[in-house]
Amino acid sequence: MKTKSILTVAVIAILGVFAFSSFTSTAESGTTKGYTIGDKAANINLKNVDGKMVSYDDYPNADGFIVIFTCNTCPYAVASEDRIIALDKEFKTKGYPVIAINPNNPEVQPDDSYELMQKKAKEKGFTFPYLYDESQSVYATYGATKTPHVYLLQKTADGDRIVRYIGAIDDNVRDGSAVKDRFLANAVNQLIAGTEVTVKETKAIGCSVKQ
């Protein structure tokens, strides 16, 4: 009887270790996909809605970039459009322009086609580049999973672009009028002030990227 009890305890312990290891492995794999805080972001070269190719090098005087993966169709992205325009107007002149990138595959989501991106940008009066990630390689490099999904980059003296914030625009993706905490704006203001970003990561809430 005593031997049976010992075996039972041992089996439970082994299963517990296995379960913990699985959870750890999943968590680690989730955090190793794409950029993390402190990583250097590679340059981009994507087609804008005006037909021109855009890279970070086109902004030699920028101190950084507000990179937002977004799209035409996701209700959360649509609800964020006015806020994205406001962010560009607020921070472009302070050295942090918005770069919007549509990561969705139009074969899966036809309303996210390049032609409809052009229509969206014109109708909304986008003040920032709205780029088409046609190969879907840029969003994968970043590790973006949602629309909208934000990456705040800061340029260093040697030209590197360092990831300083990843996540949501603010604490209420559904209703801009109910926002209480502007995560992204706070992070940009801290970089402008020369201080460390205090909230470096939040959870991006939105629609999944259509692959």
Foldseek 3Di string as FASTA:
>chain_A
DVVVVVVVVVVVVVVVVVVVVVVVVVVVVLVVFADDAFDWADWDWFAFLVRHTDIPVVCVQAQWEKEWEAFDDWLLLVLCVVVLQVVQVVCVVVRYHYAYEHLAACVQVVCRDSVNVNVVCVVSVRPHTYGYPHVSPNCRNRVDWFHTKIWIWGADPVGTTGTQAIAAQFDPSNHPVPGDGRQVVQCVVCVSVVHHRPHRYDHHDIDTHHD
